[in-house]
Each structure stands twice: as C-alpha cells, then as structure tokens.
Amino acid sequence: MELWDLYDIDRNKIGKTHQRGIEIPDGCFHLVVRAWVKNDNNEILLSKRHPQKPFGGFWENTGGSAIQGENSLQAVLREVSEEIGLQLTPEDGELILQQTKNVSHQDIWLFHSNVVVDELSFQEDEVIDAMWVNKDKYYDMQNKGLIVPTISVFSAW
C-alpha cells in the first residue's frame, strides 16, 4: 500500500495522507516528480514503459509519485534508482519546472549523467528499455506519437 502526502493548491502539506488507487479528495493534490537526464552529447535519456502499464510501450522520462514523508528531490532520486537503476546525486540535479495538473503538483528535474544504457537495471513491472536520443530524434518520436502524451515536453536543450 503506497501512501502519499496531500497538499493544498499552494503546495502546503495539509497533514493528511492518501492511498494510491483511491480518488483524491476535491481540493487536494499529491506530488509527482519527473527526471530529465542529459549527457555530455546533449542527448536525453528515455525509458520505455512496460506494456501492461497505462501508455504501455511508450517512451518517457522517469518519474512517479512522492511517497509519504518524501520531498521532491528525495522522490525523484528514488524513482530514478528504482525504475532504471541509475544512482543520481543531488548535486547533479536542478529543479527546472513546477506546475499543477489535475490533482497533482508536478516537479520537473534536470540531471546530468553519462551512464551507459547497458549498465542500467530496469524495474521489472515498470520499464523494458532505455535509450539516449538527441533533439531531432526526440521531436521525431514525439511527432510519431511514441512519447507519453501527458509528460511535459523537454525544452532544456
């Protein structure tokens, strides 16, 4: 059972938790984090979602929901570690965007890494592949509908 902290519209914790999978009460929000990882070749790391997940087979940047007690940075580091086995450090990251969509406050992070894809280890029920893409490849994939449509477009080239 995964528990999330609940927030008000202004990103203040309201002292309540919420169980994943149950509808979030009106006026409440949970925290979602996403990590863009960029390398020295000006490429970004994409992971391919497991076919059994919503948007299965689509490519995305790694992310997920913060669990109870986590702040944004802790959550994004955990999600990247769990889903693709990449150990990032806080010093390599920068919060580049905060937005609110539906019932979630979303924090978008940018990290730097030159990890080799073959060195990644995928969470069995989450990710089935990963690859580095340059700007042209990314926008081509997006135009072909291969990128999860609900994620924010990467614009920090």
Protein backbone atom coordinates (compact mmCIF):
# COMPACT_ATOMS: atom_id res chain seq x y z
CA MET A 1 0.00 0.00 0.00
CA GLU A 2 1.56 3.26 -1.16
CA LEU A 3 0.71 6.40 0.82
CA TRP A 4 1.11 9.96 -0.45
CA ASP A 5 1.12 13.23 1.46
CA LEU A 6 -1.71 15.54 0.44
CA TYR A 7 -1.21 19.22 -0.38
CA ASP A 8 -3.39 22.28 -0.89
CA ILE A 9 -3.39 24.33 -4.10
CA ASP A 10 -0.42 26.37 -2.78
CA ARG A 11 1.75 23.24 -2.26
CA ASN A 12 1.37 23.24 1.51
CA LYS A 13 1.05 19.83 3.17
CA ILE A 14 -2.36 19.58 4.81
CA GLY A 15 -1.45 16.90 7.36
CA LYS A 16 -3.34 14.11 5.62
CA THR A 17 -2.21 11.11 3.61
CA HIS A 18 -3.82 9.35 0.71
CA GLN A 19 -3.69 5.76 -0.51
CA ARG A 20 -2.68 5.25 -4.12
CA GLY A 21 -5.51 3.98 -6.31
CA ILE A 22 -8.28 5.81 -4.46
CA GLU A 23 -9.73 9.01 -5.87
CA ILE A 24 -8.07 12.10 -4.41
CA PRO A 25 -10.50 14.34 -2.49
CA ASP A 26 -11.61 17.62 -4.06
CA GLY A 27 -9.22 20.48 -3.39
CA CYS A 28 -6.32 18.14 -2.59
CA PHE A 29 -3.18 17.38 -4.58
CA HIS A 30 -0.28 14.94 -4.43
CA LEU A 31 3.32 15.46 -5.54
CA VAL A 32 4.58 13.96 -8.80
CA VAL A 33 8.21 14.16 -9.90
CA ARG A 34 9.85 13.62 -13.28
CA ALA A 35 13.56 13.48 -14.16
CA TRP A 36 15.09 14.53 -17.42
CA VAL A 37 18.64 13.15 -17.63
CA LYS A 38 21.01 14.81 -20.09
CA ASN A 39 24.52 13.70 -21.10
CA ASP A 40 27.65 15.43 -22.43
CA ASN A 41 26.47 14.75 -26.01
CA ASN A 42 23.37 16.90 -25.42
CA GLU A 43 21.15 13.80 -25.51
CA ILE A 44 18.36 12.90 -23.11
CA LEU A 45 17.64 9.51 -21.58
CA LEU A 46 14.26 7.99 -22.33
CA SER A 47 12.80 4.82 -20.88
CA LYS A 48 10.14 2.59 -22.44
CA ARG A 49 7.12 1.77 -20.31
CA HIS A 50 6.16 -1.84 -19.59
CA PRO A 51 3.36 -2.99 -21.94
CA GLN A 52 1.00 -3.72 -19.00
CA LYS A 53 1.11 -0.12 -17.72
CA PRO A 54 -1.04 2.75 -18.94
CA PHE A 55 0.66 4.09 -22.08
CA GLY A 56 2.49 0.76 -22.30
CA GLY A 57 5.22 0.71 -24.93
CA PHE A 58 5.50 4.50 -25.00
CA TRP A 59 8.76 6.32 -24.20
CA GLU A 60 9.09 8.79 -21.34
CA ASN A 61 11.35 10.40 -18.82
CA THR A 62 11.50 8.60 -15.48
CA GLY A 63 9.17 9.73 -12.72
CA GLY A 64 6.39 8.95 -10.32
CA SER A 65 4.65 9.99 -7.12
CA ALA A 66 6.38 11.10 -3.95
CA ILE A 67 5.57 8.77 -1.08
CA GLN A 68 4.64 9.89 2.42
CA GLY A 69 7.43 11.89 4.05
CA GLU A 70 9.47 12.48 0.89
CA ASN A 71 10.32 15.87 -0.52
CA SER A 72 10.59 16.41 -4.27
CA LEU A 73 14.33 15.74 -4.52
CA GLN A 74 14.17 12.58 -2.42
CA ALA A 75 11.29 11.31 -4.54
CA VAL A 76 12.95 11.91 -7.89
CA LEU A 77 16.21 10.28 -6.79
CA ARG A 78 14.29 7.23 -5.51
CA GLU A 79 12.14 6.91 -8.64
CA VAL A 80 15.14 7.02 -10.98
CA SER A 81 17.00 4.49 -8.84
CA GLU A 82 14.02 2.13 -8.62
CA GLU A 83 12.88 2.29 -12.23
CA ILE A 84 16.15 2.33 -14.18
CA GLY A 85 18.84 1.64 -11.57
CA LEU A 86 20.58 4.98 -12.08
CA GLN A 87 22.12 6.48 -8.95
CA LEU A 88 21.97 10.26 -9.30
CA THR A 89 23.25 12.76 -6.77
CA PRO A 90 21.50 15.92 -5.61
CA GLU A 91 24.45 17.98 -6.86
CA ASP A 92 23.77 16.79 -10.42
CA GLY A 93 20.17 17.98 -10.37
CA GLU A 94 18.25 21.20 -10.85
CA LEU A 95 14.53 21.83 -10.43
CA ILE A 96 13.56 23.35 -13.79
CA LEU A 97 9.76 23.49 -13.72
CA GLN A 98 6.88 23.35 -11.26
CA GLN A 99 3.32 23.03 -12.50
CA THR A 100 -0.06 21.85 -11.33
CA LYS A 101 -2.13 19.48 -13.46
CA ASN A 102 -5.43 17.98 -12.37
CA VAL A 103 -4.80 16.59 -8.86
CA SER A 104 -1.00 16.73 -8.86
CA HIS A 105 1.71 19.25 -8.23
CA GLN A 106 4.47 18.32 -10.65
CA ASP A 107 8.18 18.99 -10.19
CA ILE A 108 10.36 18.52 -13.25
CA TRP A 109 14.07 17.97 -12.60
CA LEU A 110 17.10 18.07 -14.90
CA PHE A 111 20.09 15.88 -14.05
CA HIS A 112 23.42 15.21 -15.73
CA SER A 113 24.79 11.71 -16.30
CA ASN A 114 26.81 9.84 -18.89
CA VAL A 115 25.57 6.40 -17.87
CA VAL A 116 25.82 3.66 -20.47
CA VAL A 117 22.35 2.22 -21.18
CA ASP A 118 23.67 -1.34 -20.86
CA GLU A 119 24.61 -0.55 -17.24
CA LEU A 120 21.02 0.31 -16.27
CA SER A 121 18.78 -2.19 -14.49
CA PHE A 122 15.06 -1.93 -15.16
CA GLN A 123 12.28 -2.40 -12.62
CA GLU A 124 10.52 -5.47 -13.98
CA ASP A 125 6.95 -4.17 -13.99
CA GLU A 126 7.80 -0.57 -14.95
CA VAL A 127 10.44 -0.33 -17.69
CA ILE A 128 11.52 -2.57 -20.56
CA ASP A 129 14.15 -0.47 -22.38
CA ALA A 130 16.05 2.81 -22.41
CA MET A 131 17.97 4.89 -24.92
CA TRP A 132 19.75 8.20 -25.37
CA VAL A 133 18.20 10.48 -28.00
CA ASN A 134 19.24 13.79 -29.48
CA LYS A 135 16.89 16.70 -30.05
CA ASP A 136 15.94 15.69 -33.61
CA LYS A 137 15.21 12.08 -32.62
CA TYR A 138 13.15 13.23 -29.62
CA TYR A 139 10.95 15.55 -31.66
CA ASP A 140 10.59 12.90 -34.38
CA MET A 141 9.44 10.40 -31.75
CA GLN A 142 7.05 12.95 -30.32
CA ASN A 143 5.59 13.73 -33.75
CA LYS A 144 5.09 9.99 -34.37
CA GLY A 145 3.19 9.61 -31.08
CA LEU A 146 5.84 7.45 -29.40
CA ILE A 147 6.30 9.67 -26.32
CA VAL A 148 3.83 9.51 -23.42
CA PRO A 149 1.49 12.42 -24.29
CA THR A 150 0.92 13.52 -20.68
CA ILE A 151 4.54 14.45 -19.90
CA SER A 152 5.87 17.96 -20.31
CA VAL A 153 7.90 18.50 -23.46
CA PHE A 154 11.65 18.61 -22.89
CA SER A 155 12.88 22.07 -23.81
CA ALA A 156 16.20 22.41 -21.96
CA TRP A 157 18.44 21.57 -24.90
